[in-house]
C-alpha cells in the first residue's frame, strides 16, 4: 500500500515547490545577502526562477527579464531588493 504525504495548507507559503526571486542578485559571498545562494545553502529543493532584467544567468540558472512574459514561472514570488534601493539611500 502506497503512502502519500499530505501537504499542510501553509506549505504553499512555508515550503513552496517553486519560487521566483524578483530582483535576484548576481553578487555572491559572505556580505552579498544573495537570496538564491542562501536558499541553496539551507537546503531549498524546489525550482528557483531568478528574475533580473540585467542578467542572462544567475548562479548558473537562466535569469528571466520579467515574470509577466514567462508563463512557465509558477509558485511563490519573492521580491528581493537591496537595502540601498529599498530605503532610497
C-alpha atoms as a PDB file:
ATOM      1  CA  UNK A   1       0.000   0.000   0.000  1.00  0.00           C
ATOM      2  CA  UNK A   2       1.460   3.318  -1.093  1.00  0.00           C
ATOM      3  CA  UNK A   3       1.554   6.067   1.487  1.00  0.00           C
ATOM      4  CA  UNK A   4       1.088   9.629   0.233  1.00  0.00           C
ATOM      5  CA  UNK A   5       2.336  12.593   2.156  1.00  0.00           C
ATOM      6  CA  UNK A   6      -0.285  15.221   2.752  1.00  0.00           C
ATOM      7  CA  UNK A   7       0.790  18.812   2.373  1.00  0.00           C
ATOM      8  CA  UNK A   8      -0.258  21.269   5.046  1.00  0.00           C
ATOM      9  CA  UNK A   9      -2.241  24.282   3.846  1.00  0.00           C
ATOM     10  CA  UNK A  10       0.621  26.595   4.921  1.00  0.00           C
ATOM     11  CA  UNK A  11       3.194  24.640   2.878  1.00  0.00           C
ATOM     12  CA  UNK A  12       2.341  26.837  -0.096  1.00  0.00           C
ATOM     13  CA  UNK A  13       3.936  29.710   1.867  1.00  0.00           C
ATOM     14  CA  UNK A  14       6.453  27.926   4.084  1.00  0.00           C
ATOM     15  CA  UNK A  15       7.623  25.180   1.685  1.00  0.00           C
ATOM     16  CA  UNK A  16       6.722  26.191  -1.868  1.00  0.00           C
ATOM     17  CA  UNK A  17       7.609  23.881  -4.747  1.00  0.00           C
ATOM     18  CA  UNK A  18       8.942  26.816  -6.761  1.00  0.00           C
ATOM     19  CA  UNK A  19       9.920  30.427  -6.129  1.00  0.00           C
ATOM     20  CA  UNK A  20      10.510  33.369  -8.462  1.00  0.00           C
ATOM     21  CA  UNK A  21      13.127  35.720  -6.996  1.00  0.00           C
ATOM     22  CA  UNK A  22      12.374  39.171  -8.444  1.00  0.00           C
ATOM     23  CA  UNK A  23      15.479  41.327  -8.190  1.00  0.00           C
ATOM     24  CA  UNK A  24      17.826  38.333  -7.906  1.00  0.00           C
ATOM     25  CA  UNK A  25      21.436  39.377  -7.381  1.00  0.00           C
ATOM     26  CA  UNK A  26      24.487  38.222  -9.321  1.00  0.00           C
ATOM     27  CA  UNK A  27      26.740  39.005  -6.355  1.00  0.00           C
ATOM     28  CA  UNK A  28      27.696  36.098  -4.140  1.00  0.00           C
ATOM     29  CA  UNK A  29      29.738  35.703  -0.997  1.00  0.00           C
ATOM     30  CA  UNK A  30      29.601  36.486   2.667  1.00  0.00           C
ATOM     31  CA  UNK A  31      28.430  40.114   2.515  1.00  0.00           C
ATOM     32  CA  UNK A  32      26.168  39.905  -0.523  1.00  0.00           C
ATOM     33  CA  UNK A  33      22.998  38.532   1.156  1.00  0.00           C
ATOM     34  CA  UNK A  34      22.180  36.678  -2.045  1.00  0.00           C
ATOM     35  CA  UNK A  35      18.730  35.138  -1.558  1.00  0.00           C
ATOM     36  CA  UNK A  36      19.334  32.295  -4.040  1.00  0.00           C
ATOM     37  CA  UNK A  37      22.709  31.477  -2.505  1.00  0.00           C
ATOM     38  CA  UNK A  38      21.108  31.292   0.942  1.00  0.00           C
ATOM     39  CA  UNK A  39      18.167  29.195  -0.255  1.00  0.00           C
ATOM     40  CA  UNK A  40      20.598  26.654  -1.696  1.00  0.00           C
ATOM     41  CA  UNK A  41      22.847  26.797   1.384  1.00  0.00           C
ATOM     42  CA  UNK A  42      19.930  25.983   3.674  1.00  0.00           C
ATOM     43  CA  UNK A  43      18.620  23.145   1.514  1.00  0.00           C
ATOM     44  CA  UNK A  44      15.753  24.520  -0.553  1.00  0.00           C
ATOM     45  CA  UNK A  45      14.951  21.745  -3.048  1.00  0.00           C
ATOM     46  CA  UNK A  46      12.300  23.404  -5.195  1.00  0.00           C
ATOM     47  CA  UNK A  47      12.617  25.161  -8.537  1.00  0.00           C
ATOM     48  CA  UNK A  48      14.107  28.679  -8.434  1.00  0.00           C
ATOM     49  CA  UNK A  49      13.354  31.263 -11.118  1.00  0.00           C
ATOM     50  CA  UNK A  50      15.772  34.229 -10.899  1.00  0.00           C
ATOM     51  CA  UNK A  51      14.220  37.407 -12.325  1.00  0.00           C
ATOM     52  CA  UNK A  52      16.627  40.217 -13.210  1.00  0.00           C
ATOM     53  CA  UNK A  53      16.326  42.283 -16.412  1.00  0.00           C
ATOM     54  CA  UNK A  54      20.111  42.895 -16.437  1.00  0.00           C
ATOM     55  CA  UNK A  55      21.271  39.265 -16.259  1.00  0.00           C
ATOM     56  CA  UNK A  56      21.163  36.269 -18.581  1.00  0.00           C
ATOM     57  CA  UNK A  57      22.282  33.804 -15.890  1.00  0.00           C
ATOM     58  CA  UNK A  58      22.484  33.940 -12.116  1.00  0.00           C
ATOM     59  CA  UNK A  59      24.414  31.275 -10.245  1.00  0.00           C
ATOM     60  CA  UNK A  60      24.261  29.037 -13.328  1.00  0.00           C
ATOM     61  CA  UNK A  61      20.487  29.346 -13.750  1.00  0.00           C
ATOM     62  CA  UNK A  62      18.656  31.088 -16.574  1.00  0.00           C
ATOM     63  CA  UNK A  63      17.585  34.547 -15.458  1.00  0.00           C
ATOM     64  CA  UNK A  64      14.248  35.869 -16.668  1.00  0.00           C
ATOM     65  CA  UNK A  65      13.750  39.505 -17.724  1.00  0.00           C
ATOM     66  CA  UNK A  66      10.321  39.709 -16.074  1.00  0.00           C
ATOM     67  CA  UNK A  67       7.634  37.445 -14.683  1.00  0.00           C
ATOM     68  CA  UNK A  68       4.731  38.648 -16.832  1.00  0.00           C
ATOM     69  CA  UNK A  69       6.059  37.274 -20.134  1.00  0.00           C
ATOM     70  CA  UNK A  70       7.128  33.910 -18.712  1.00  0.00           C
ATOM     71  CA  UNK A  71       4.150  31.626 -18.103  1.00  0.00           C
ATOM     72  CA  UNK A  72       6.488  28.810 -17.037  1.00  0.00           C
ATOM     73  CA  UNK A  73       7.209  30.756 -13.837  1.00  0.00           C
ATOM     74  CA  UNK A  74       4.872  29.444 -11.175  1.00  0.00           C
ATOM     75  CA  UNK A  75       4.733  29.244  -7.410  1.00  0.00           C
ATOM     76  CA  UNK A  76       5.608  31.892  -4.887  1.00  0.00           C
ATOM     77  CA  UNK A  77       7.164  35.235  -5.785  1.00  0.00           C
ATOM     78  CA  UNK A  78       9.782  36.777  -3.523  1.00  0.00           C
ATOM     79  CA  UNK A  79      10.733  40.392  -4.081  1.00  0.00           C
ATOM     80  CA  UNK A  80      14.401  40.931  -3.249  1.00  0.00           C
ATOM     81  CA  UNK A  81      15.695  44.497  -3.219  1.00  0.00           C
ATOM     82  CA  UNK A  82      18.959  45.883  -1.938  1.00  0.00           C
ATOM     83  CA  UNK A  83      18.729  47.977   1.226  1.00  0.00           C
ATOM     84  CA  UNK A  84      20.166  50.945  -0.616  1.00  0.00           C
ATOM     85  CA  UNK A  85      17.399  50.939  -3.242  1.00  0.00           C
ATOM     86  CA  UNK A  86      14.626  49.945  -0.849  1.00  0.00           C
ATOM     87  CA  UNK A  87      15.358  52.800   1.551  1.00  0.00           C
ATOM     88  CA  UNK A  88      16.377  55.376  -1.045  1.00  0.00           C
ATOM     89  CA  UNK A  89      19.992  55.729   0.142  1.00  0.00           C
END
